[in-house]
């Protein structure tokens, strides 16, 4: 994860890549990264492992953004774009 202001902005804007996820498999970011922003494309059930507690297996509406540092994401339904940083 970049620790400079510019690096953090670059991560949130997708400058370090990401993944479109629409299946129910567990997904992890590339080595050395975390998922730092998750954008729901449709109503989505998400299980997250990361630095924000209380977000394990929640339902989020379409076009919702979740920020933090997540090492794993698993969908129960729906689809997201998960940005690395």
C-alpha atoms as a PDB file:
ATOM      1  CA  UNK A   1       0.000   0.000   0.000  1.00  0.00           C
ATOM      2  CA  UNK A   2       1.439   3.371  -0.948  1.00  0.00           C
ATOM      3  CA  UNK A   3       1.955   5.655   2.030  1.00  0.00           C
ATOM      4  CA  UNK A   4       2.183   9.017   0.254  1.00  0.00           C
ATOM      5  CA  UNK A   5      -0.822  11.209  -0.501  1.00  0.00           C
ATOM      6  CA  UNK A   6      -0.207  10.810  -4.242  1.00  0.00           C
ATOM      7  CA  UNK A   7       0.146   7.032  -3.888  1.00  0.00           C
ATOM      8  CA  UNK A   8      -3.075   6.758  -1.904  1.00  0.00           C
ATOM      9  CA  UNK A   9      -4.980   8.785  -4.486  1.00  0.00           C
ATOM     10  CA  UNK A  10      -3.485   6.666  -7.274  1.00  0.00           C
ATOM     11  CA  UNK A  11      -4.673   3.498  -5.505  1.00  0.00           C
ATOM     12  CA  UNK A  12      -8.228   4.815  -5.026  1.00  0.00           C
ATOM     13  CA  UNK A  13      -8.402   5.738  -8.718  1.00  0.00           C
ATOM     14  CA  UNK A  14      -7.295   2.268  -9.839  1.00  0.00           C
ATOM     15  CA  UNK A  15      -3.677   3.100 -10.631  1.00  0.00           C
ATOM     16  CA  UNK A  16      -2.462  -0.183  -9.106  1.00  0.00           C
ATOM     17  CA  UNK A  17      -5.053  -2.352 -10.819  1.00  0.00           C
ATOM     18  CA  UNK A  18      -7.975  -4.274  -9.508  1.00  0.00           C
ATOM     19  CA  UNK A  19     -10.451  -6.967 -10.337  1.00  0.00           C
ATOM     20  CA  UNK A  20     -14.034  -7.311 -11.464  1.00  0.00           C
ATOM     21  CA  UNK A  21     -15.515 -10.007  -9.209  1.00  0.00           C
ATOM     22  CA  UNK A  22     -18.859 -11.688  -9.830  1.00  0.00           C
ATOM     23  CA  UNK A  23     -18.385 -15.233  -8.520  1.00  0.00           C
ATOM     24  CA  UNK A  24     -18.479 -16.747  -5.028  1.00  0.00           C
ATOM     25  CA  UNK A  25     -14.801 -17.761  -4.838  1.00  0.00           C
ATOM     26  CA  UNK A  26     -12.456 -16.113  -2.321  1.00  0.00           C
ATOM     27  CA  UNK A  27     -10.297 -13.454  -4.023  1.00  0.00           C
ATOM     28  CA  UNK A  28      -7.019 -11.964  -2.824  1.00  0.00           C
ATOM     29  CA  UNK A  29      -5.069  -9.048  -4.299  1.00  0.00           C
ATOM     30  CA  UNK A  30      -1.674  -9.401  -5.936  1.00  0.00           C
ATOM     31  CA  UNK A  31       1.299  -9.976  -3.612  1.00  0.00           C
ATOM     32  CA  UNK A  32       2.252  -6.787  -1.757  1.00  0.00           C
ATOM     33  CA  UNK A  33      -1.189  -5.191  -2.121  1.00  0.00           C
ATOM     34  CA  UNK A  34      -4.536  -5.052  -0.354  1.00  0.00           C
ATOM     35  CA  UNK A  35      -7.927  -4.220  -1.765  1.00  0.00           C
ATOM     36  CA  UNK A  36      -8.399  -0.573  -0.706  1.00  0.00           C
ATOM     37  CA  UNK A  37     -11.703   0.324  -2.347  1.00  0.00           C
ATOM     38  CA  UNK A  38     -14.615  -1.913  -3.237  1.00  0.00           C
ATOM     39  CA  UNK A  39     -17.329  -0.556  -5.528  1.00  0.00           C
ATOM     40  CA  UNK A  40     -20.542  -2.557  -5.759  1.00  0.00           C
ATOM     41  CA  UNK A  41     -22.031  -2.811  -9.248  1.00  0.00           C
ATOM     42  CA  UNK A  42     -25.337  -4.232  -8.023  1.00  0.00           C
ATOM     43  CA  UNK A  43     -26.803  -5.193  -4.651  1.00  0.00           C
ATOM     44  CA  UNK A  44     -24.094  -7.444  -3.242  1.00  0.00           C
ATOM     45  CA  UNK A  45     -23.513  -9.727  -0.264  1.00  0.00           C
ATOM     46  CA  UNK A  46     -19.825  -9.449   0.724  1.00  0.00           C
ATOM     47  CA  UNK A  47     -17.573 -11.149   3.255  1.00  0.00           C
ATOM     48  CA  UNK A  48     -14.388  -9.144   3.884  1.00  0.00           C
ATOM     49  CA  UNK A  49     -11.174  -9.850   5.797  1.00  0.00           C
ATOM     50  CA  UNK A  50      -9.282  -6.685   6.676  1.00  0.00           C
ATOM     51  CA  UNK A  51      -8.659  -3.784   8.998  1.00  0.00           C
ATOM     52  CA  UNK A  52     -12.284  -2.637   9.364  1.00  0.00           C
ATOM     53  CA  UNK A  53     -14.236  -4.754  11.829  1.00  0.00           C
ATOM     54  CA  UNK A  54     -17.955  -5.437  11.628  1.00  0.00           C
ATOM     55  CA  UNK A  55     -18.143  -5.800   7.827  1.00  0.00           C
ATOM     56  CA  UNK A  56     -18.143  -9.583   7.719  1.00  0.00           C
ATOM     57  CA  UNK A  57     -20.984 -10.838   5.527  1.00  0.00           C
ATOM     58  CA  UNK A  58     -23.104  -7.752   4.922  1.00  0.00           C
ATOM     59  CA  UNK A  59     -25.431  -6.737   2.099  1.00  0.00           C
ATOM     60  CA  UNK A  60     -24.580  -3.476   0.328  1.00  0.00           C
ATOM     61  CA  UNK A  61     -26.703  -1.657  -2.272  1.00  0.00           C
ATOM     62  CA  UNK A  62     -25.630  -0.995  -5.851  1.00  0.00           C
ATOM     63  CA  UNK A  63     -23.079   1.802  -6.389  1.00  0.00           C
ATOM     64  CA  UNK A  64     -21.784   1.641  -2.803  1.00  0.00           C
ATOM     65  CA  UNK A  65     -18.097   2.228  -1.979  1.00  0.00           C
ATOM     66  CA  UNK A  66     -16.242   0.512   0.871  1.00  0.00           C
ATOM     67  CA  UNK A  67     -12.779   1.756   1.865  1.00  0.00           C
ATOM     68  CA  UNK A  68     -10.122   0.066   4.010  1.00  0.00           C
ATOM     69  CA  UNK A  69      -7.345  -2.488   3.632  1.00  0.00           C
ATOM     70  CA  UNK A  70      -8.730  -5.931   2.823  1.00  0.00           C
ATOM     71  CA  UNK A  71      -6.690  -9.088   2.256  1.00  0.00           C
ATOM     72  CA  UNK A  72      -9.629 -11.179   1.048  1.00  0.00           C
ATOM     73  CA  UNK A  73     -13.076 -10.696  -0.456  1.00  0.00           C
ATOM     74  CA  UNK A  74     -15.769 -13.302  -1.044  1.00  0.00           C
ATOM     75  CA  UNK A  75     -19.158 -12.560  -2.574  1.00  0.00           C
ATOM     76  CA  UNK A  76     -22.352 -14.358  -1.653  1.00  0.00           C
ATOM     77  CA  UNK A  77     -24.106 -12.672  -4.575  1.00  0.00           C
ATOM     78  CA  UNK A  78     -23.760  -9.621  -6.797  1.00  0.00           C
ATOM     79  CA  UNK A  79     -20.673  -8.083  -8.365  1.00  0.00           C
ATOM     80  CA  UNK A  80     -17.965  -5.565  -7.473  1.00  0.00           C
ATOM     81  CA  UNK A  81     -14.842  -3.877  -8.719  1.00  0.00           C
ATOM     82  CA  UNK A  82     -12.084  -4.291  -6.110  1.00  0.00           C
ATOM     83  CA  UNK A  83      -9.220  -1.786  -6.391  1.00  0.00           C
ATOM     84  CA  UNK A  84      -5.692  -2.653  -5.206  1.00  0.00           C
ATOM     85  CA  UNK A  85      -3.376  -0.369  -3.339  1.00  0.00           C
END
